[in-house]
N, C-alpha and C. Protein backbone atom coordinates (compact mmCIF):
# COMPACT_ATOMS: atom_id res chain seq x y z
N MET A 1 62.69 -5.74 -27.92
CA MET A 1 61.78 -5.24 -26.94
C MET A 1 62.02 -6.77 -26.48
N ARG A 2 61.49 -6.49 -25.29
CA ARG A 2 61.27 -7.86 -24.49
C ARG A 2 60.27 -8.07 -24.59
N VAL A 3 59.73 -9.37 -24.38
CA VAL A 3 58.26 -10.03 -24.58
C VAL A 3 58.18 -10.21 -22.49
N THR A 4 56.82 -9.56 -22.67
CA THR A 4 56.36 -9.42 -20.65
C THR A 4 55.85 -11.10 -20.94
N TYR A 5 55.71 -11.87 -19.85
CA TYR A 5 55.06 -13.00 -19.47
C TYR A 5 53.72 -12.98 -20.15
N GLU A 6 52.82 -11.92 -19.40
CA GLU A 6 51.52 -11.51 -20.19
C GLU A 6 51.28 -11.75 -21.78
N GLN A 7 52.19 -10.75 -22.66
CA GLN A 7 52.13 -10.61 -23.83
C GLN A 7 52.43 -12.58 -24.49
N ALA A 8 53.54 -12.92 -23.52
CA ALA A 8 53.92 -14.90 -24.17
C ALA A 8 52.88 -15.24 -24.06
N LEU A 9 52.32 -15.24 -22.42
CA LEU A 9 50.67 -16.10 -22.56
C LEU A 9 49.55 -16.28 -23.67
N ALA A 10 49.25 -14.59 -23.92
CA ALA A 10 48.14 -14.67 -24.88
C ALA A 10 48.90 -14.86 -25.87
N ASP A 11 49.79 -15.02 -26.51
CA ASP A 11 50.39 -15.20 -27.77
C ASP A 11 50.18 -16.84 -27.79
N ARG A 12 50.64 -17.62 -27.00
CA ARG A 12 50.34 -19.22 -26.57
C ARG A 12 48.89 -19.50 -27.16
N ASP A 13 48.09 -18.76 -25.98
CA ASP A 13 46.58 -18.90 -25.88
C ASP A 13 46.23 -19.05 -27.49
N TYR A 14 46.35 -17.71 -27.82
CA TYR A 14 45.76 -17.50 -29.34
C TYR A 14 45.95 -18.89 -30.19
N LEU A 15 47.48 -18.88 -30.52
CA LEU A 15 48.02 -19.96 -31.12
C LEU A 15 47.33 -21.32 -31.04
N PHE A 16 47.26 -21.58 -29.75
CA PHE A 16 46.94 -23.13 -29.49
C PHE A 16 45.10 -22.74 -29.39
N SER A 17 44.28 -21.70 -29.40
CA SER A 17 42.93 -21.86 -29.32
C SER A 17 42.75 -21.84 -30.57
N GLU A 18 43.06 -21.07 -31.18
CA GLU A 18 43.08 -20.68 -32.73
C GLU A 18 43.28 -22.05 -33.65
N TYR A 19 44.24 -22.76 -33.27
CA TYR A 19 44.66 -23.31 -34.36
C TYR A 19 45.43 -24.98 -33.93
N GLY A 20 45.77 -24.78 -32.85
CA GLY A 20 45.84 -26.05 -32.07
C GLY A 20 47.17 -26.48 -31.82
N PRO A 21 47.64 -27.41 -30.67
CA PRO A 21 49.17 -27.03 -30.07
C PRO A 21 50.27 -27.47 -31.23
N ALA A 22 51.24 -27.30 -30.90
CA ALA A 22 52.08 -27.51 -31.29
C ALA A 22 52.53 -29.13 -31.66
N SER A 23 52.95 -29.87 -32.71
CA SER A 23 53.10 -30.76 -33.24
C SER A 23 53.98 -31.93 -32.33
N ASP A 24 53.71 -32.81 -31.75
CA ASP A 24 54.64 -33.51 -30.87
C ASP A 24 55.33 -32.81 -29.78
N MET A 25 53.93 -32.53 -29.27
CA MET A 25 54.43 -31.69 -27.66
C MET A 25 54.97 -33.00 -26.87
N THR A 26 54.52 -34.29 -26.78
CA THR A 26 55.51 -35.12 -25.39
C THR A 26 56.74 -35.48 -26.25
N GLY A 27 57.04 -35.15 -27.38
CA GLY A 27 58.26 -36.45 -28.15
C GLY A 27 59.20 -34.96 -27.79
N ALA A 28 59.57 -34.26 -29.30
CA ALA A 28 60.43 -33.55 -29.25
C ALA A 28 60.57 -32.07 -28.25
N TRP A 29 59.12 -31.83 -27.63
CA TRP A 29 59.21 -30.33 -27.18
C TRP A 29 59.61 -30.86 -25.30
N ILE A 30 59.25 -32.30 -24.80
CA ILE A 30 59.71 -32.85 -23.90
C ILE A 30 59.12 -31.75 -22.80
N GLU A 31 57.89 -31.42 -22.68
CA GLU A 31 57.01 -30.75 -21.67
C GLU A 31 57.57 -30.96 -19.78
N GLY A 32 57.91 -32.04 -19.58
CA GLY A 32 58.36 -32.26 -18.29
C GLY A 32 59.88 -31.77 -18.45
N ASP A 33 60.56 -31.54 -19.06
CA ASP A 33 61.82 -30.85 -18.56
C ASP A 33 61.81 -29.57 -18.64
N HIS A 34 60.76 -28.88 -18.84
CA HIS A 34 60.68 -27.47 -18.80
C HIS A 34 59.76 -27.37 -17.79
N LEU A 35 59.07 -28.27 -17.58
CA LEU A 35 58.49 -27.85 -15.81
C LEU A 35 59.03 -28.22 -15.11
N GLU A 36 60.02 -28.85 -15.12
CA GLU A 36 61.46 -29.19 -13.93
C GLU A 36 62.01 -27.87 -13.76
N GLU A 37 61.98 -27.29 -15.12
CA GLU A 37 62.71 -25.95 -15.27
C GLU A 37 62.13 -25.16 -14.15
N LEU A 38 60.98 -24.80 -14.26
CA LEU A 38 59.87 -24.25 -13.64
C LEU A 38 59.83 -24.58 -12.44
N ILE A 39 59.91 -25.42 -11.97
CA ILE A 39 59.55 -25.51 -10.68
C ILE A 39 61.08 -25.44 -9.73
N LYS A 40 61.92 -25.29 -10.23
CA LYS A 40 63.43 -24.77 -9.50
C LYS A 40 63.12 -23.78 -9.58
N ASN A 41 63.10 -22.82 -10.43
CA ASN A 41 62.93 -21.43 -10.90
C ASN A 41 61.51 -20.90 -10.70
N PRO A 42 60.62 -20.67 -10.13
CA PRO A 42 59.27 -20.63 -10.54
C PRO A 42 59.12 -18.85 -10.61
N THR A 43 59.35 -18.38 -11.79
CA THR A 43 59.36 -16.92 -12.15
C THR A 43 58.36 -16.76 -13.12
N LYS A 44 58.19 -15.28 -13.05
CA LYS A 44 57.31 -15.30 -14.37
C LYS A 44 58.48 -15.12 -15.88
N ALA A 45 59.52 -14.47 -15.05
CA ALA A 45 60.51 -14.79 -16.06
C ALA A 45 61.04 -16.10 -16.63
N LYS A 46 60.98 -16.63 -15.87
CA LYS A 46 61.43 -18.40 -16.13
C LYS A 46 60.20 -18.68 -17.31
N ALA A 47 59.00 -18.71 -16.73
CA ALA A 47 57.26 -18.95 -17.21
C ALA A 47 57.45 -18.30 -18.56
N ARG A 48 57.94 -16.71 -19.11
CA ARG A 48 58.08 -15.92 -20.41
C ARG A 48 58.67 -16.88 -21.16
N ASP A 49 59.95 -16.88 -20.80
CA ASP A 49 60.99 -18.40 -21.42
C ASP A 49 60.43 -19.20 -22.15
N ILE A 50 60.05 -19.89 -21.47
CA ILE A 50 59.64 -21.39 -21.73
C ILE A 50 58.48 -21.08 -22.61
N LEU A 51 57.61 -19.84 -22.64
CA LEU A 51 56.21 -19.59 -23.45
C LEU A 51 56.97 -19.71 -24.47
N SER A 52 57.72 -18.34 -24.87
CA SER A 52 58.27 -18.19 -25.92
C SER A 52 59.09 -19.01 -26.58
N GLY A 53 59.68 -20.13 -26.11
CA GLY A 53 60.42 -20.90 -26.43
C GLY A 53 58.85 -22.41 -27.18
N LEU A 54 58.08 -22.12 -26.65
CA LEU A 54 57.29 -23.02 -26.99
C LEU A 54 56.69 -22.33 -28.27
N ILE A 55 56.32 -20.91 -27.92
CA ILE A 55 55.68 -20.48 -29.56
C ILE A 55 56.90 -20.47 -30.61
N CYS A 56 57.93 -20.32 -30.39
CA CYS A 56 58.68 -20.69 -31.50
C CYS A 56 58.64 -21.74 -31.94
N TYR A 57 58.86 -23.18 -31.20
CA TYR A 57 58.92 -24.59 -31.62
C TYR A 57 57.80 -24.77 -32.46
N TRP A 58 56.47 -24.16 -32.07
CA TRP A 58 55.19 -23.90 -32.55
C TRP A 58 55.61 -23.62 -34.21
N PHE A 59 56.14 -22.67 -34.44
CA PHE A 59 56.32 -21.98 -35.56
C PHE A 59 57.13 -23.18 -36.29
N GLU A 60 58.14 -23.71 -35.83
CA GLU A 60 58.79 -24.22 -36.67
C GLU A 60 58.80 -25.79 -36.51
N THR A 61 58.01 -26.29 -36.00
CA THR A 61 57.65 -27.71 -36.31
C THR A 61 55.75 -27.73 -37.18
N GLY A 62 55.25 -26.82 -36.81
CA GLY A 62 54.01 -26.54 -37.32
C GLY A 62 53.20 -27.06 -35.72
N HIS A 63 51.87 -27.55 -36.14
CA HIS A 63 50.73 -27.39 -35.53
C HIS A 63 49.86 -28.26 -35.86
N ASP A 64 49.28 -28.87 -34.60
CA ASP A 64 48.41 -30.00 -35.31
C ASP A 64 47.03 -30.32 -35.70
N GLY A 65 47.19 -29.16 -35.86
CA GLY A 65 45.32 -28.34 -35.78
C GLY A 65 44.09 -28.63 -34.94
N ARG A 66 42.82 -28.30 -35.24
CA ARG A 66 41.83 -28.16 -34.18
C ARG A 66 41.12 -29.60 -34.36
N ASN A 67 41.07 -30.43 -35.18
CA ASN A 67 40.40 -31.17 -35.18
C ASN A 67 40.92 -32.66 -35.97
N CYS A 68 42.24 -32.53 -36.07
CA CYS A 68 43.08 -33.53 -36.93
C CYS A 68 44.57 -33.74 -35.78
N TYR A 69 45.22 -34.87 -36.20
CA TYR A 69 46.34 -34.36 -36.14
C TYR A 69 47.17 -34.64 -37.31
N ASP A 70 47.22 -34.01 -38.07
CA ASP A 70 48.31 -33.78 -39.12
C ASP A 70 48.81 -32.77 -38.93
N LYS A 71 50.39 -32.68 -39.61
CA LYS A 71 51.20 -31.63 -38.73
C LYS A 71 50.45 -30.52 -40.47
N THR A 72 50.44 -29.25 -39.79
CA THR A 72 49.70 -28.33 -40.02
C THR A 72 51.11 -26.89 -40.03
N ALA A 73 51.57 -26.42 -41.29
CA ALA A 73 52.30 -25.03 -41.27
C ALA A 73 51.38 -23.86 -40.84
N PRO A 74 51.93 -23.23 -40.05
CA PRO A 74 51.26 -21.84 -39.80
C PRO A 74 51.15 -21.15 -40.77
N ASP A 75 49.41 -20.23 -40.47
CA ASP A 75 48.95 -19.64 -41.22
C ASP A 75 49.28 -18.07 -41.32
N MET A 76 50.35 -17.93 -42.13
CA MET A 76 51.16 -16.22 -42.11
C MET A 76 49.95 -15.35 -42.83
N ASN A 77 49.39 -16.03 -43.14
CA ASN A 77 47.90 -14.78 -43.41
C ASN A 77 47.61 -14.47 -42.53
N ASP A 78 47.45 -14.84 -41.23
CA ASP A 78 46.73 -14.55 -40.71
C ASP A 78 47.61 -13.27 -39.83
N PRO A 79 47.41 -11.88 -39.55
CA PRO A 79 48.23 -11.03 -39.20
C PRO A 79 48.48 -11.03 -37.54
N LYS A 80 47.70 -11.79 -37.23
CA LYS A 80 47.87 -11.82 -35.54
C LYS A 80 48.96 -13.28 -35.38
N VAL A 81 48.93 -14.06 -36.27
CA VAL A 81 50.45 -15.35 -36.34
C VAL A 81 51.27 -14.34 -37.05
N ALA A 82 51.38 -13.80 -37.55
CA ALA A 82 52.72 -12.76 -38.43
C ALA A 82 53.11 -12.16 -37.15
N GLU A 83 52.18 -11.32 -36.75
CA GLU A 83 52.95 -10.71 -35.63
C GLU A 83 53.39 -11.01 -34.47
N ILE A 84 52.56 -12.37 -33.50
CA ILE A 84 53.14 -13.47 -32.54
C ILE A 84 54.56 -14.02 -33.46
N ALA A 85 54.76 -14.51 -34.57
CA ALA A 85 56.00 -14.82 -35.13
C ALA A 85 57.16 -13.97 -34.97
N GLU A 86 57.29 -12.60 -35.49
CA GLU A 86 58.12 -11.65 -35.33
C GLU A 86 58.68 -10.80 -34.23
N ARG A 87 57.52 -11.19 -33.24
CA ARG A 87 57.40 -11.10 -31.70
C ARG A 87 58.50 -11.87 -31.07
N HIS A 88 58.55 -13.22 -31.58
CA HIS A 88 59.31 -14.46 -30.51
C HIS A 88 60.25 -14.56 -31.53
N ASN A 89 60.18 -15.05 -32.65
CA ASN A 89 60.76 -15.24 -33.50
C ASN A 89 61.08 -14.66 -34.84
N PRO A 90 61.77 -13.55 -34.75
CA PRO A 90 61.85 -13.07 -36.49
C PRO A 90 62.68 -13.98 -37.68
N ALA A 91 63.53 -14.68 -36.69
CA ALA A 91 63.72 -15.32 -38.36
C ALA A 91 63.32 -16.92 -38.82
N TYR A 92 61.98 -16.93 -38.10
CA TYR A 92 60.93 -17.79 -38.72
C TYR A 92 61.05 -16.75 -39.56
N ILE A 93 59.97 -15.70 -40.08
CA ILE A 93 59.37 -14.84 -41.20
C ILE A 93 60.39 -15.08 -42.71
N ALA A 94 60.31 -16.03 -43.23
CA ALA A 94 60.30 -16.69 -44.03
C ALA A 94 59.61 -17.59 -45.19
N THR A 95 58.56 -16.51 -45.38
CA THR A 95 57.18 -17.62 -45.69
C THR A 95 57.75 -18.04 -47.25
């Protein structure tokens, strides 16, 4: 099943608002490179692919949490987090 742009955006918004951004967003993720890709190909499909990649990165590296900058593992006990993990990166589900 292909994830829609709207679903990818909603998934990213949930993870970031409930748990915080992915760890090291300015280093390993290199937001500027993805922005450059989007500028050169401004489509919903490109934005969806970037969002899905960001979500996979969030699961792979952990997140900064709401009030601190310590790397925190994803909460796979949250059913919505588990659903997002399966939707974007089924290989991650190895709690």
